[in-house]
Amino acid sequence: MPNHVHVLFKQISSLQDTVRIIKSKSARDINNMLKRNGKFWASEYYDKVIRDEEHFVKVYEYIKNNAPKAGLSLDGRFYSKYESD
């Protein structure tokens, strides 16, 4: 998606710490690639707790199909440890 990302992961540390690490590292890398600096991500984020396997599959399929449903090409940008091409 051009204006947001979806991440589905098993939480092993605090959500706040996990999001901070993801945002910090990715912002640094993206800013380096774009040859810019400064704030990259919005401060807020939306989170949802996965209730069970059925909910996991539903969320996973939503994420997988989100960009194509919006008419955007994935261009190999969907990454998952649960599937292989």
Protein backbone atom coordinates (compact mmCIF):
# COMPACT_ATOMS: atom_id res chain seq x y z
CA MET A 1 0.00 0.00 0.00
CA PRO A 2 1.38 3.44 -0.82
CA ASN A 3 0.47 5.02 2.51
CA HIS A 4 0.64 2.24 5.13
CA VAL A 5 1.94 -1.22 5.91
CA HIS A 6 0.46 -4.32 7.50
CA VAL A 7 2.55 -6.48 9.81
CA LEU A 8 1.36 -9.72 11.38
CA PHE A 9 3.66 -11.19 14.00
CA LYS A 10 3.76 -13.17 17.22
CA GLN A 11 4.46 -10.75 20.02
CA ILE A 12 7.37 -11.73 22.30
CA SER A 13 8.03 -8.34 23.88
CA SER A 14 5.90 -5.29 24.58
CA LEU A 15 3.95 -4.02 21.60
CA GLN A 16 5.23 -0.50 22.20
CA ASP A 17 8.86 -1.69 22.07
CA THR A 18 8.23 -3.85 18.99
CA VAL A 19 6.55 -1.03 17.05
CA ARG A 20 9.29 1.42 18.10
CA ILE A 21 12.00 -0.94 16.85
CA ILE A 22 10.22 -1.64 13.53
CA LYS A 23 9.51 2.04 12.89
CA SER A 24 12.96 3.20 13.93
CA LYS A 25 14.93 0.70 11.83
CA SER A 26 12.70 0.95 8.76
CA ALA A 27 12.60 4.79 8.89
CA ARG A 28 16.40 4.91 9.06
CA ASP A 29 16.75 2.48 6.12
CA ILE A 30 14.07 4.15 3.99
CA ASN A 31 15.43 7.64 4.66
CA ASN A 32 18.92 6.42 3.67
CA MET A 33 17.55 4.98 0.41
CA LEU A 34 15.69 8.23 -0.32
CA LYS A 35 18.71 10.31 0.70
CA ARG A 36 16.70 12.25 3.26
CA ASN A 37 16.35 12.42 7.02
CA GLY A 38 13.74 13.30 9.57
CA LYS A 39 10.47 11.76 10.63
CA PHE A 40 9.12 9.07 8.30
CA TRP A 41 6.25 7.30 10.09
CA ALA A 42 3.19 8.79 11.76
CA SER A 43 3.27 8.60 15.55
CA GLU A 44 0.10 6.53 15.90
CA TYR A 45 -0.57 2.95 14.86
CA TYR A 46 -3.51 0.57 14.90
CA ASP A 47 -3.21 -2.83 16.51
CA LYS A 48 -5.47 -5.85 16.86
CA VAL A 49 -4.99 -8.96 18.99
CA ILE A 50 -5.43 -12.23 17.10
CA ARG A 51 -7.98 -14.35 18.96
CA ASP A 52 -7.50 -17.77 17.42
CA GLU A 53 -6.31 -19.65 14.31
CA GLU A 54 -9.44 -18.72 12.33
CA HIS A 55 -8.92 -15.04 13.09
CA PHE A 56 -5.22 -15.37 12.15
CA VAL A 57 -6.12 -16.84 8.74
CA LYS A 58 -8.73 -14.12 8.13
CA VAL A 59 -6.27 -11.31 8.95
CA TYR A 60 -3.48 -13.00 6.98
CA GLU A 61 -5.68 -13.31 3.87
CA TYR A 62 -6.83 -9.69 4.27
CA ILE A 63 -3.21 -8.50 4.35
CA LYS A 64 -2.23 -10.73 1.43
CA ASN A 65 -5.09 -9.49 -0.76
CA ASN A 66 -5.20 -5.84 0.35
CA ALA A 67 -2.99 -4.32 -2.35
CA PRO A 68 -4.37 -6.38 -5.28
CA LYS A 69 -7.93 -5.60 -4.16
CA ALA A 70 -7.01 -1.89 -4.26
CA GLY A 71 -5.74 -2.39 -7.83
CA LEU A 72 -2.06 -2.20 -6.88
CA SER A 73 0.61 -4.60 -8.08
CA LEU A 74 2.55 -6.44 -5.41
CA ASP A 75 5.68 -6.60 -7.59
CA GLY A 76 7.03 -9.31 -5.30
CA ARG A 77 6.55 -7.16 -2.19
CA PHE A 78 4.42 -9.61 -0.17
CA TYR A 79 6.68 -11.46 2.22
CA SER A 80 5.62 -14.36 4.35
CA LYS A 81 7.26 -17.20 6.19
CA TYR A 82 4.02 -19.19 5.77
CA GLU A 83 4.04 -19.48 1.99
CA SER A 84 6.57 -19.99 -0.76
CA ASP A 85 6.26 -19.37 -4.48
